[in-house]
Structures are given as structure tokens and as C-alpha cells.
PDB file of N, CA and C in Angstrom:
ATOM      1  N   MET A   1    -159.881 -69.734   3.507  1.00  0.00           N
ATOM      2  CA  MET A   1    -160.623 -69.085   2.448  1.00  0.00           C
ATOM      3  C   MET A   1    -162.102 -68.951   2.808  1.00  0.00           C
ATOM      4  N   GLY A   2    -162.484 -69.372   3.996  1.00  0.00           N
ATOM      5  CA  GLY A   2    -163.875 -69.343   4.395  1.00  0.00           C
ATOM      6  C   GLY A   2    -164.306 -68.057   5.084  1.00  0.00           C
ATOM      7  N   ILE A   3    -163.515 -66.993   4.993  1.00  0.00           N
ATOM      8  CA  ILE A   3    -163.883 -65.720   5.624  1.00  0.00           C
ATOM      9  C   ILE A   3    -165.098 -65.150   4.894  1.00  0.00           C
ATOM     10  N   VAL A   4    -166.093 -64.739   5.644  1.00  0.00           N
ATOM     11  CA  VAL A   4    -167.331 -64.220   5.068  1.00  0.00           C
ATOM     12  C   VAL A   4    -167.099 -62.847   4.449  1.00  0.00           C
ATOM     13  N   THR A   5    -167.617 -62.669   3.221  1.00  0.00           N
ATOM     14  CA  THR A   5    -167.534 -61.386   2.519  1.00  0.00           C
ATOM     15  C   THR A   5    -168.880 -61.101   1.871  1.00  0.00           C
ATOM     16  N   ASP A   6    -169.001 -59.902   1.308  1.00  0.00           N
ATOM     17  CA  ASP A   6    -170.217 -59.608   0.554  1.00  0.00           C
ATOM     18  C   ASP A   6    -170.055 -60.175  -0.865  1.00  0.00           C
ATOM     19  N   SER A   7    -170.990 -59.870  -1.732  1.00  0.00           N
ATOM     20  CA  SER A   7    -170.969 -60.480  -3.062  1.00  0.00           C
ATOM     21  C   SER A   7    -170.470 -59.532  -4.141  1.00  0.00           C
ATOM     22  N   LYS A   8    -169.675 -58.553  -3.773  1.00  0.00           N
ATOM     23  CA  LYS A   8    -169.174 -57.591  -4.752  1.00  0.00           C
ATOM     24  C   LYS A   8    -168.204 -58.249  -5.728  1.00  0.00           C
ATOM     25  N   ASP A   9    -168.261 -57.781  -6.955  1.00  0.00           N
ATOM     26  CA  ASP A   9    -167.390 -58.254  -8.016  1.00  0.00           C
ATOM     27  C   ASP A   9    -165.977 -57.687  -7.820  1.00  0.00           C
ATOM     28  N   VAL A  10    -165.021 -58.293  -8.486  1.00  0.00           N
ATOM     29  CA  VAL A  10    -163.626 -57.846  -8.405  1.00  0.00           C
ATOM     30  C   VAL A  10    -163.523 -56.369  -8.750  1.00  0.00           C
ATOM     31  N   LYS A  11    -164.275 -55.919  -9.744  1.00  0.00           N
ATOM     32  CA  LYS A  11    -164.173 -54.537 -10.229  1.00  0.00           C
ATOM     33  C   LYS A  11    -164.979 -53.531  -9.409  1.00  0.00           C
ATOM     34  N   ASP A  12    -165.785 -54.029  -8.477  1.00  0.00           N
ATOM     35  CA  ASP A  12    -166.563 -53.125  -7.629  1.00  0.00           C
ATOM     36  C   ASP A  12    -165.671 -52.478  -6.579  1.00  0.00           C
ATOM     37  N   LYS A  13    -165.976 -51.201  -6.287  1.00  0.00           N
ATOM     38  CA  LYS A  13    -165.255 -50.515  -5.212  1.00  0.00           C
ATOM     39  C   LYS A  13    -165.723 -51.077  -3.885  1.00  0.00           C
ATOM     40  N   LYS A  14    -164.759 -51.226  -2.972  1.00  0.00           N
ATOM     41  CA  LYS A  14    -165.056 -51.813  -1.667  1.00  0.00           C
ATOM     42  C   LYS A  14    -164.517 -50.902  -0.562  1.00  0.00           C
ATOM     43  N   ASP A  15    -165.182 -50.926   0.568  1.00  0.00           N
ATOM     44  CA  ASP A  15    -164.740 -50.138   1.720  1.00  0.00           C
ATOM     45  C   ASP A  15    -163.842 -51.020   2.589  1.00  0.00           C
ATOM     46  N   PRO A  16    -162.533 -50.744   2.613  1.00  0.00           N
ATOM     47  CA  PRO A  16    -161.626 -51.603   3.392  1.00  0.00           C
ATOM     48  C   PRO A  16    -161.961 -51.631   4.885  1.00  0.00           C
ATOM     49  N   ASP A  17    -162.515 -50.535   5.409  1.00  0.00           N
ATOM     50  CA  ASP A  17    -162.823 -50.487   6.842  1.00  0.00           C
ATOM     51  C   ASP A  17    -163.994 -51.386   7.227  1.00  0.00           C
ATOM     52  N   LYS A  18    -164.794 -51.797   6.256  1.00  0.00           N
ATOM     53  CA  LYS A  18    -165.939 -52.673   6.538  1.00  0.00           C
ATOM     54  C   LYS A  18    -165.682 -54.109   6.093  1.00  0.00           C
ATOM     55  N   CYS A  19    -164.448 -54.397   5.704  1.00  0.00           N
ATOM     56  CA  CYS A  19    -164.115 -55.720   5.169  1.00  0.00           C
ATOM     57  C   CYS A  19    -163.400 -56.573   6.229  1.00  0.00           C
ATOM     58  N   ASN A  20    -163.957 -57.753   6.499  1.00  0.00           N
ATOM     59  CA  ASN A  20    -163.350 -58.673   7.470  1.00  0.00           C
ATOM     60  C   ASN A  20    -161.923 -59.042   7.083  1.00  0.00           C
ATOM     61  N   ILE A  21    -161.707 -59.261   5.805  1.00  0.00           N
ATOM     62  CA  ILE A  21    -160.374 -59.664   5.338  1.00  0.00           C
ATOM     63  C   ILE A  21    -159.376 -58.533   5.569  1.00  0.00           C
ATOM     64  N   PHE A  22    -159.764 -57.312   5.203  1.00  0.00           N
ATOM     65  CA  PHE A  22    -158.854 -56.185   5.357  1.00  0.00           C
ATOM     66  C   PHE A  22    -158.507 -55.964   6.828  1.00  0.00           C
ATOM     67  N   ASN A  23    -159.482 -56.150   7.709  1.00  0.00           N
ATOM     68  CA  ASN A  23    -159.202 -56.001   9.145  1.00  0.00           C
ATOM     69  C   ASN A  23    -158.164 -57.015   9.615  1.00  0.00           C
ATOM     70  N   LEU A  24    -158.175 -58.205   9.059  1.00  0.00           N
ATOM     71  CA  LEU A  24    -157.134 -59.194   9.390  1.00  0.00           C
ATOM     72  C   LEU A  24    -155.795 -58.805   8.774  1.00  0.00           C
ATOM     73  N   HIS A  25    -155.837 -58.187   7.606  1.00  0.00           N
ATOM     74  CA  HIS A  25    -154.594 -57.696   6.992  1.00  0.00           C
ATOM     75  C   HIS A  25    -153.885 -56.719   7.932  1.00  0.00           C
ATOM     76  N   LYS A  26    -154.654 -55.947   8.694  1.00  0.00           N
ATOM     77  CA  LYS A  26    -154.067 -54.968   9.620  1.00  0.00           C
ATOM     78  C   LYS A  26    -153.171 -55.650  10.650  1.00  0.00           C
ATOM     79  N   LEU A  27    -153.436 -56.914  10.923  1.00  0.00           N
ATOM     80  CA  LEU A  27    -152.638 -57.656  11.902  1.00  0.00           C
ATOM     81  C   LEU A  27    -151.392 -58.294  11.292  1.00  0.00           C
ATOM     82  N   PHE A  28    -151.452 -58.629  10.002  1.00  0.00           N
ATOM     83  CA  PHE A  28    -150.394 -59.447   9.418  1.00  0.00           C
ATOM     84  C   PHE A  28    -149.682 -58.828   8.217  1.00  0.00           C
ATOM     85  N   SER A  29    -150.113 -57.690   7.738  1.00  0.00           N
ATOM     86  CA  SER A  29    -149.527 -57.087   6.546  1.00  0.00           C
ATOM     87  C   SER A  29    -148.724 -55.849   6.919  1.00  0.00           C
ATOM     88  N   SER A  30    -147.729 -55.547   6.110  1.00  0.00           N
ATOM     89  CA  SER A  30    -146.890 -54.370   6.355  1.00  0.00           C
ATOM     90  C   SER A  30    -147.687 -53.099   6.064  1.00  0.00           C
ATOM     91  N   ASP A  31    -147.210 -51.968   6.570  1.00  0.00           N
ATOM     92  CA  ASP A  31    -147.875 -50.688   6.331  1.00  0.00           C
ATOM     93  C   ASP A  31    -147.960 -50.390   4.841  1.00  0.00           C
ATOM     94  N   GLU A  32    -146.872 -50.660   4.138  1.00  0.00           N
ATOM     95  CA  GLU A  32    -146.840 -50.415   2.696  1.00  0.00           C
ATOM     96  C   GLU A  32    -147.879 -51.284   1.982  1.00  0.00           C
ATOM     97  N   GLU A  33    -147.943 -52.531   2.371  1.00  0.00           N
ATOM     98  CA  GLU A  33    -148.903 -53.446   1.761  1.00  0.00           C
ATOM     99  C   GLU A  33    -150.339 -53.022   2.089  1.00  0.00           C
ATOM    100  N   LEU A  34    -150.567 -52.541   3.319  1.00  0.00           N
ATOM    101  CA  LEU A  34    -151.896 -52.057   3.694  1.00  0.00           C
ATOM    102  C   LEU A  34    -152.320 -50.866   2.845  1.00  0.00           C
ATOM    103  N   ARG A  35    -151.408 -49.945   2.619  1.00  0.00           N
ATOM    104  CA  ARG A  35    -151.723 -48.774   1.779  1.00  0.00           C
ATOM    105  C   ARG A  35    -152.101 -49.217   0.369  1.00  0.00           C
ATOM    106  N   GLU A  36    -151.307 -50.140  -0.181  1.00  0.00           N
ATOM    107  CA  GLU A  36    -151.574 -50.635  -1.529  1.00  0.00           C
ATOM    108  C   GLU A  36    -152.919 -51.370  -1.588  1.00  0.00           C
ATOM    109  N   LEU A  37    -153.177 -52.226  -0.609  1.00  0.00           N
ATOM    110  CA  LEU A  37    -154.442 -52.963  -0.577  1.00  0.00           C
ATOM    111  C   LEU A  37    -155.625 -52.013  -0.423  1.00  0.00           C
ATOM    112  N   SER A  38    -155.501 -51.022   0.450  1.00  0.00           N
ATOM    113  CA  SER A  38    -156.573 -50.061   0.667  1.00  0.00           C
ATOM    114  C   SER A  38    -156.903 -49.336  -0.635  1.00  0.00           C
ATOM    115  N   GLU A  39    -155.879 -48.927  -1.331  1.00  0.00           N
ATOM    116  CA  GLU A  39    -156.068 -48.241  -2.619  1.00  0.00           C
ATOM    117  C   GLU A  39    -156.757 -49.164  -3.631  1.00  0.00           C
ATOM    118  N   ARG A  40    -156.321 -50.399  -3.683  1.00  0.00           N
ATOM    119  CA  ARG A  40    -156.929 -51.356  -4.612  1.00  0.00           C
ATOM    120  C   ARG A  40    -158.382 -51.639  -4.237  1.00  0.00           C
ATOM    121  N   TYR A  41    -158.670 -51.718  -2.952  1.00  0.00           N
ATOM    122  CA  TYR A  41    -160.052 -51.914  -2.499  1.00  0.00           C
ATOM    123  C   TYR A  41    -160.927 -50.756  -2.966  1.00  0.00           C
ATOM    124  N   THR A  42    -160.497 -49.548  -2.660  1.00  0.00           N
ATOM    125  CA  THR A  42    -161.327 -48.377  -2.952  1.00  0.00           C
ATOM    126  C   THR A  42    -161.446 -48.085  -4.440  1.00  0.00           C
ATOM    127  N   ASN A  43    -160.511 -48.571  -5.242  1.00  0.00           N
ATOM    128  CA  ASN A  43    -160.558 -48.347  -6.691  1.00  0.00           C
ATOM    129  C   ASN A  43    -161.119 -49.539  -7.468  1.00  0.00           C
ATOM    130  N   GLY A  44    -161.539 -50.565  -6.766  1.00  0.00           N
ATOM    131  CA  GLY A  44    -162.108 -51.725  -7.439  1.00  0.00           C
ATOM    132  C   GLY A  44    -161.094 -52.509  -8.259  1.00  0.00           C
ATOM    133  N   LYS A  45    -159.922 -52.718  -7.672  1.00  0.00           N
ATOM    134  CA  LYS A  45    -158.853 -53.414  -8.401  1.00  0.00           C
ATOM    135  C   LYS A  45    -158.373 -54.669  -7.687  1.00  0.00           C
ATOM    136  N   ILE A  46    -159.213 -55.185  -6.803  1.00  0.00           N
ATOM    137  CA  ILE A  46    -158.861 -56.433  -6.125  1.00  0.00           C
ATOM    138  C   ILE A  46    -160.149 -57.151  -5.735  1.00  0.00           C
ATOM    139  N   GLY A  47    -160.102 -58.453  -5.852  1.00  0.00           N
ATOM    140  CA  GLY A  47    -161.233 -59.274  -5.416  1.00  0.00           C
ATOM    141  C   GLY A  47    -160.918 -59.908  -4.080  1.00  0.00           C
ATOM    142  N   TYR A  48    -161.944 -60.423  -3.464  1.00  0.00           N
ATOM    143  CA  TYR A  48    -161.766 -61.027  -2.151  1.00  0.00           C
ATOM    144  C   TYR A  48    -160.869 -62.270  -2.210  1.00  0.00           C
ATOM    145  N   LYS A  49    -160.965 -63.009  -3.294  1.00  0.00           N
ATOM    146  CA  LYS A  49    -160.141 -64.225  -3.420  1.00  0.00           C
ATOM    147  C   LYS A  49    -158.653 -63.859  -3.379  1.00  0.00           C
ATOM    148  N   GLU A  50    -158.266 -62.861  -4.164  1.00  0.00           N
ATOM    149  CA  GLU A  50    -156.861 -62.445  -4.176  1.00  0.00           C
ATOM    150  C   GLU A  50    -156.444 -61.891  -2.817  1.00  0.00           C
ATOM    151  N   SER A  51    -157.325 -61.114  -2.193  1.00  0.00           N
ATOM    152  CA  SER A  51    -157.018 -60.553  -0.884  1.00  0.00           C
ATOM    153  C   SER A  51    -156.814 -61.663   0.143  1.00  0.00           C
ATOM    154  N   LYS A  52    -157.649 -62.703   0.088  1.00  0.00           N
ATOM    155  CA  LYS A  52    -157.505 -63.838   0.996  1.00  0.00           C
ATOM    156  C   LYS A  52    -156.198 -64.576   0.755  1.00  0.00           C
ATOM    157  N   GLU A  53    -155.806 -64.708  -0.504  1.00  0.00           N
ATOM    158  CA  GLU A  53    -154.548 -65.394  -0.824  1.00  0.00           C
ATOM    159  C   GLU A  53    -153.349 -64.613  -0.280  1.00  0.00           C
ATOM    160  N   ILE A  54    -153.391 -63.288  -0.404  1.00  0.00           N
ATOM    161  CA  ILE A  54    -152.321 -62.443   0.148  1.00  0.00           C
ATOM    162  C   ILE A  54    -152.293 -62.581   1.673  1.00  0.00           C
ATOM    163  N   LEU A  55    -153.472 -62.559   2.284  1.00  0.00           N
ATOM    164  CA  LEU A  55    -153.568 -62.705   3.734  1.00  0.00           C
ATOM    165  C   LEU A  55    -153.009 -64.049   4.189  1.00  0.00           C
ATOM    166  N   LEU A  56    -153.372 -65.109   3.495  1.00  0.00           N
ATOM    167  CA  LEU A  56    -152.877 -66.450   3.841  1.00  0.00           C
ATOM    168  C   LEU A  56    -151.354 -66.498   3.789  1.00  0.00           C
ATOM    169  N   LYS A  57    -150.772 -65.905   2.762  1.00  0.00           N
ATOM    170  CA  LYS A  57    -149.306 -65.868   2.640  1.00  0.00           C
ATOM    171  C   LYS A  57    -148.696 -65.105   3.823  1.00  0.00           C
ATOM    172  N   ASN A  58    -149.294 -63.974   4.177  1.00  0.00           N
ATOM    173  CA  ASN A  58    -148.754 -63.169   5.274  1.00  0.00           C
ATOM    174  C   ASN A  58    -148.883 -63.868   6.625  1.00  0.00           C
ATOM    175  N   VAL A  59    -149.997 -64.549   6.847  1.00  0.00           N
ATOM    176  CA  VAL A  59    -150.178 -65.298   8.096  1.00  0.00           C
ATOM    177  C   VAL A  59    -149.154 -66.429   8.166  1.00  0.00           C
ATOM    178  N   THR A  60    -148.991 -67.136   7.051  1.00  0.00           N
ATOM    179  CA  THR A  60    -148.024 -68.237   6.993  1.00  0.00           C
ATOM    180  C   THR A  60    -146.614 -67.727   7.277  1.00  0.00           C
ATOM    181  N   ASP A  61    -146.255 -66.590   6.676  1.00  0.00           N
ATOM    182  CA  ASP A  61    -144.931 -66.002   6.918  1.00  0.00           C
ATOM    183  C   ASP A  61    -144.769 -65.593   8.382  1.00  0.00           C
ATOM    184  N   PHE A  62    -145.853 -65.102   8.992  1.00  0.00           N
ATOM    185  CA  PHE A  62    -145.816 -64.662  10.383  1.00  0.00           C
ATOM    186  C   PHE A  62    -145.565 -65.822  11.342  1.00  0.00           C
ATOM    187  N   ILE A  63    -146.227 -66.954  11.107  1.00  0.00           N
ATOM    188  CA  ILE A  63    -146.100 -68.076  12.050  1.00  0.00           C
ATOM    189  C   ILE A  63    -144.936 -69.005  11.727  1.00  0.00           C
ATOM    190  N   LYS A  64    -144.308 -68.823  10.585  1.00  0.00           N
ATOM    191  CA  LYS A  64    -143.214 -69.717  10.176  1.00  0.00           C
ATOM    192  C   LYS A  64    -142.107 -69.821  11.236  1.00  0.00           C
ATOM    193  N   PRO A  65    -141.580 -68.705  11.773  1.00  0.00           N
ATOM    194  CA  PRO A  65    -140.512 -68.830  12.782  1.00  0.00           C
ATOM    195  C   PRO A  65    -140.972 -69.577  14.035  1.00  0.00           C
ATOM    196  N   MET A  66    -142.227 -69.369  14.429  1.00  0.00           N
ATOM    197  CA  MET A  66    -142.751 -70.064  15.620  1.00  0.00           C
ATOM    198  C   MET A  66    -142.873 -71.562  15.343  1.00  0.00           C
ATOM    199  N   ARG A  67    -143.324 -71.892  14.159  1.00  0.00           N
ATOM    200  CA  ARG A  67    -143.458 -73.302  13.783  1.00  0.00           C
ATOM    201  C   ARG A  67    -142.089 -73.972  13.743  1.00  0.00           C
ATOM    202  N   GLU A  68    -141.080 -73.284  13.196  1.00  0.00           N
ATOM    203  CA  GLU A  68    -139.726 -73.837  13.130  1.00  0.00           C
ATOM    204  C   GLU A  68    -139.149 -74.034  14.531  1.00  0.00           C
ATOM    205  N   ARG A  69    -139.397 -73.059  15.424  1.00  0.00           N
ATOM    206  CA  ARG A  69    -138.899 -73.174  16.799  1.00  0.00           C
ATOM    207  C   ARG A  69    -139.566 -74.349  17.496  1.00  0.00           C
ATOM    208  N   ARG A  70    -140.866 -74.514  17.300  1.00  0.00           N
ATOM    209  CA  ARG A  70    -141.586 -75.627  17.909  1.00  0.00           C
ATOM    210  C   ARG A  70    -141.021 -76.959  17.429  1.00  0.00           C
ATOM    211  N   GLU A  71    -140.764 -77.065  16.139  1.00  0.00           N
ATOM    212  CA  GLU A  71    -140.215 -78.307  15.593  1.00  0.00           C
ATOM    213  C   GLU A  71    -138.836 -78.600  16.181  1.00  0.00           C
ATOM    214  N   LYS A  72    -138.038 -77.551  16.380  1.00  0.00           N
ATOM    215  CA  LYS A  72    -136.708 -77.722  16.962  1.00  0.00           C
ATOM    216  C   LYS A  72    -136.821 -78.189  18.419  1.00  0.00           C
ATOM    217  N   ILE A  73    -137.685 -77.553  19.179  1.00  0.00           N
ATOM    218  CA  ILE A  73    -137.866 -77.912  20.589  1.00  0.00           C
ATOM    219  C   ILE A  73    -138.421 -79.326  20.712  1.00  0.00           C
ATOM    220  N   GLU A  74    -139.347 -79.669  19.839  1.00  0.00           N
ATOM    221  CA  GLU A  74    -139.977 -80.986  19.879  1.00  0.00           C
ATOM    222  C   GLU A  74    -138.946 -82.117  19.755  1.00  0.00           C
ATOM    223  N   LYS A  75    -137.857 -81.867  19.060  1.00  0.00           N
ATOM    224  CA  LYS A  75    -136.836 -82.896  18.851  1.00  0.00           C
ATOM    225  C   LYS A  75    -135.961 -83.108  20.083  1.00  0.00           C
ATOM    226  N   ASP A  76    -135.960 -82.131  21.015  1.00  0.00           N
ATOM    227  CA  ASP A  76    -135.127 -82.220  22.218  1.00  0.00           C
ATOM    228  C   ASP A  76    -135.997 -82.652  23.401  1.00  0.00           C
ATOM    229  N   ARG A  77    -136.249 -83.944  23.496  1.00  0.00           N
ATOM    230  CA  ARG A  77    -137.150 -84.502  24.519  1.00  0.00           C
ATOM    231  C   ARG A  77    -136.685 -84.170  25.941  1.00  0.00           C
ATOM    232  N   LYS A  78    -135.391 -84.232  26.196  1.00  0.00           N
ATOM    233  CA  LYS A  78    -134.864 -83.940  27.527  1.00  0.00           C
ATOM    234  C   LYS A  78    -135.193 -82.499  27.932  1.00  0.00           C
ATOM    235  N   TYR A  79    -135.021 -81.569  27.015  1.00  0.00           N
ATOM    236  CA  TYR A  79    -135.316 -80.164  27.288  1.00  0.00           C
ATOM    237  C   TYR A  79    -136.798 -79.998  27.656  1.00  0.00           C
ATOM    238  N   VAL A  80    -137.675 -80.621  26.865  1.00  0.00           N
ATOM    239  CA  VAL A  80    -139.117 -80.528  27.111  1.00  0.00           C
ATOM    240  C   VAL A  80    -139.458 -81.080  28.496  1.00  0.00           C
ATOM    241  N   LEU A  81    -138.912 -82.238  28.838  1.00  0.00           N
ATOM    242  CA  LEU A  81    -139.193 -82.840  30.142  1.00  0.00           C
ATOM    243  C   LEU A  81    -138.643 -81.983  31.280  1.00  0.00           C
ATOM    244  N   ASP A  82    -137.451 -81.400  31.087  1.00  0.00           N
ATOM    245  CA  ASP A  82    -136.875 -80.512  32.102  1.00  0.00           C
ATOM    246  C   ASP A  82    -137.760 -79.281  32.332  1.00  0.00           C
ATOM    247  N   VAL A  83    -138.260 -78.698  31.250  1.00  0.00           N
ATOM    248  CA  VAL A  83    -139.129 -77.518  31.366  1.00  0.00           C
ATOM    249  C   VAL A  83    -140.411 -77.890  32.103  1.00  0.00           C
ATOM    250  N   LEU A  84    -140.999 -79.035  31.761  1.00  0.00           N
ATOM    251  CA  LEU A  84    -142.222 -79.478  32.432  1.00  0.00           C
ATOM    252  C   LEU A  84    -141.982 -79.745  33.918  1.00  0.00           C
ATOM    253  N   GLU A  85    -140.871 -80.371  34.234  1.00  0.00           N
ATOM    254  CA  GLU A  85    -140.554 -80.665  35.636  1.00  0.00           C
ATOM    255  C   GLU A  85    -140.344 -79.376  36.417  1.00  0.00           C
ATOM    256  N   ASP A  86    -139.587 -78.450  35.842  1.00  0.00           N
ATOM    257  CA  ASP A  86    -139.332 -77.165  36.498  1.00  0.00           C
ATOM    258  C   ASP A  86    -140.646 -76.404  36.709  1.00  0.00           C
ATOM    259  N   GLY A  87    -141.483 -76.393  35.704  1.00  0.00           N
ATOM    260  CA  GLY A  87    -142.779 -75.729  35.817  1.00  0.00           C
ATOM    261  C   GLY A  87    -143.650 -76.373  36.879  1.00  0.00           C
ATOM    262  N   GLY A  88    -143.612 -77.692  36.955  1.00  0.00           N
ATOM    263  CA  GLY A  88    -144.374 -78.407  37.973  1.00  0.00           C
ATOM    264  C   GLY A  88    -143.936 -78.039  39.369  1.00  0.00           C
ATOM    265  N   LYS A  89    -142.623 -77.914  39.581  1.00  0.00           N
ATOM    266  CA  LYS A  89    -142.094 -77.536  40.900  1.00  0.00           C
ATOM    267  C   LYS A  89    -142.530 -76.123  41.280  1.00  0.00           C
ATOM    268  N   LYS A  90    -142.468 -75.208  40.316  1.00  0.00           N
ATOM    269  CA  LYS A  90    -142.890 -73.824  40.583  1.00  0.00           C
ATOM    270  C   LYS A  90    -144.379 -73.771  40.906  1.00  0.00           C
ATOM    271  N   ALA A  91    -145.164 -74.513  40.155  1.00  0.00           N
ATOM    272  CA  ALA A  91    -146.611 -74.535  40.383  1.00  0.00           C
ATOM    273  C   ALA A  91    -146.934 -75.124  41.750  1.00  0.00           C
ATOM    274  N   GLU A  92    -146.227 -76.177  42.113  1.00  0.00           N
ATOM    275  CA  GLU A  92    -146.469 -76.835  43.408  1.00  0.00           C
ATOM    276  C   GLU A  92    -146.212 -75.863  44.561  1.00  0.00           C
ATOM    277  N   LYS A  93    -145.149 -75.070  44.460  1.00  0.00           N
ATOM    278  CA  LYS A  93    -144.835 -74.097  45.519  1.00  0.00           C
ATOM    279  C   LYS A  93    -145.962 -73.065  45.646  1.00  0.00           C
ATOM    280  N   ARG A  94    -146.416 -72.545  44.517  1.00  0.00           N
ATOM    281  CA  ARG A  94    -147.472 -71.523  44.535  1.00  0.00           C
ATOM    282  C   ARG A  94    -148.781 -72.107  45.049  1.00  0.00           C
ATOM    283  N   ILE A  95    -149.090 -73.319  44.623  1.00  0.00           N
ATOM    284  CA  ILE A  95    -150.339 -73.957  45.049  1.00  0.00           C
ATOM    285  C   ILE A  95    -150.312 -74.236  46.547  1.00  0.00           C
ATOM    286  N   SER A  96    -149.183 -74.742  47.034  1.00  0.00           N
ATOM    287  CA  SER A  96    -149.075 -75.039  48.472  1.00  0.00           C
ATOM    288  C   SER A  96    -149.282 -73.778  49.300  1.00  0.00           C
ATOM    289  N   LYS A  97    -148.669 -72.706  48.899  1.00  0.00           N
ATOM    290  CA  LYS A  97    -148.795 -71.442  49.621  1.00  0.00           C
ATOM    291  C   LYS A  97    -150.246 -70.958  49.588  1.00  0.00           C
ATOM    292  N   LYS A  98    -150.868 -71.003  48.420  1.00  0.00           N
ATOM    293  CA  LYS A  98    -152.250 -70.549  48.274  1.00  0.00           C
ATOM    294  C   LYS A  98    -153.210 -71.423  49.076  1.00  0.00           C
ATOM    295  N   MET A  99    -153.008 -72.735  49.066  1.00  0.00           N
ATOM    296  CA  MET A  99    -153.886 -73.648  49.805  1.00  0.00           C
ATOM    297  C   MET A  99    -153.762 -73.431  51.310  1.00  0.00           C
ATOM    298  N   GLU A 100    -152.571 -73.139  51.776  1.00  0.00           N
ATOM    299  CA  GLU A 100    -152.401 -72.845  53.206  1.00  0.00           C
ATOM    300  C   GLU A 100    -153.163 -71.568  53.564  1.00  0.00           C
ATOM    301  N   GLU A 101    -153.095 -70.585  52.688  1.00  0.00           N
ATOM    302  CA  GLU A 101    -153.822 -69.335  52.874  1.00  0.00           C
ATOM    303  C   GLU A 101    -155.342 -69.582  52.911  1.00  0.00           C
ATOM    304  N   VAL A 102    -155.833 -70.415  52.012  1.00  0.00           N
ATOM    305  CA  VAL A 102    -157.263 -70.758  51.962  1.00  0.00           C
ATOM    306  C   VAL A 102    -157.680 -71.485  53.235  1.00  0.00           C
ATOM    307  N   ARG A 103    -156.897 -72.481  53.632  1.00  0.00           N
ATOM    308  CA  ARG A 103    -157.230 -73.243  54.856  1.00  0.00           C
ATOM    309  C   ARG A 103    -157.285 -72.335  56.088  1.00  0.00           C
ATOM    310  N   THR A 104    -156.342 -71.392  56.185  1.00  0.00           N
ATOM    311  CA  THR A 104    -156.320 -70.453  57.310  1.00  0.00           C
ATOM    312  C   THR A 104    -157.582 -69.596  57.306  1.00  0.00           C
ATOM    313  N   LYS A 105    -157.965 -69.109  56.136  1.00  0.00           N
ATOM    314  CA  LYS A 105    -159.132 -68.228  56.052  1.00  0.00           C
ATOM    315  C   LYS A 105    -160.441 -68.946  56.357  1.00  0.00           C
ATOM    316  N   ILE A 106    -160.521 -70.228  56.051  1.00  0.00           N
ATOM    317  CA  ILE A 106    -161.770 -70.947  56.334  1.00  0.00           C
ATOM    318  C   ILE A 106    -161.704 -71.754  57.625  1.00  0.00           C
ATOM    319  N   GLY A 107    -160.588 -71.625  58.337  1.00  0.00           N
ATOM    320  CA  GLY A 107    -160.477 -72.260  59.654  1.00  0.00           C
ATOM    321  C   GLY A 107    -160.121 -73.726  59.626  1.00  0.00           C
ATOM    322  N   LEU A 108    -159.516 -74.203  58.564  1.00  0.00           N
ATOM    323  CA  LEU A 108    -159.143 -75.608  58.491  1.00  0.00           C
ATOM    324  C   LEU A 108    -157.648 -75.850  58.613  1.00  0.00           C
ATOM    325  N   ASN A 109    -156.891 -74.799  58.866  1.00  0.00           N
ATOM    326  CA  ASN A 109    -155.451 -74.946  58.984  1.00  0.00           C
ATOM    327  C   ASN A 109    -155.130 -75.516  60.346  1.00  0.00           C
ATOM    328  N   LEU A 110    -154.585 -76.711  60.362  1.00  0.00           N
ATOM    329  CA  LEU A 110    -154.312 -77.398  61.620  1.00  0.00           C
ATOM    330  C   LEU A 110    -152.929 -77.097  62.166  1.00  0.00           C
ATOM    331  N   LYS A 111    -152.196 -76.245  61.569  1.00  0.00           N
ATOM    332  CA  LYS A 111    -150.835 -75.935  62.024  1.00  0.00           C
ATOM    333  C   LYS A 111    -150.851 -74.961  63.164  1.00  0.00           C
TER     334      LYS A 111
END
């Protein structure tokens, strides 16, 4: 709720294109909801508090599946450790190859 806004009253007409909250709505709100919000902004039928509450709900709905997936993965410790180990092996291969390339270019490759 700490998004900076101007001091316009709920009934004041607002320009959605100049509103920080509305710009965030473009990322998280449906096209239909954006049209409705834009109309309410330009007609002075919405306040920033209500707009922020709608935005918060939409952001929460957007991240909900990711949060649920994270919670599910977090419970499978073996899976997490396997992914980390596999990633470590892949990284080690890339790093070894790159370091050999660096050593060759600077003349420190003893092979």
C-alpha cells in the first residue's frame, strides 16, 4: 500500500497513464479489468486505496501457483539435493572448460 500517488480525491478524475498503480495493473490485471479501471480513473469513480487493493489481489493471485509449487518442492528434500548436485556438476564442467581457455590465453596452461 506504500505506492506513491498524488493527493487527488476519490471523485477527482485521474489520468491512468500517469498513475504508478495503473501501470502495475497493466502487468497483473486482465484486459477487461484494465478497461474498467481506466474508465473509472478517467471518470473519477475510484480512489487510489481501492485501486491498490485490487492490484494486491491480482498480484497475490498471480504468484499463488508459484508459491504453491515452491511449497511442494520444499517438502521433497531429496529432489532439491539432486537438482543442486546436478547443477553443480554442470557448472563444474563449464567452469573447467572456461578456466582452461583463460589459462591458455594468458600463457599459464601447463598442458
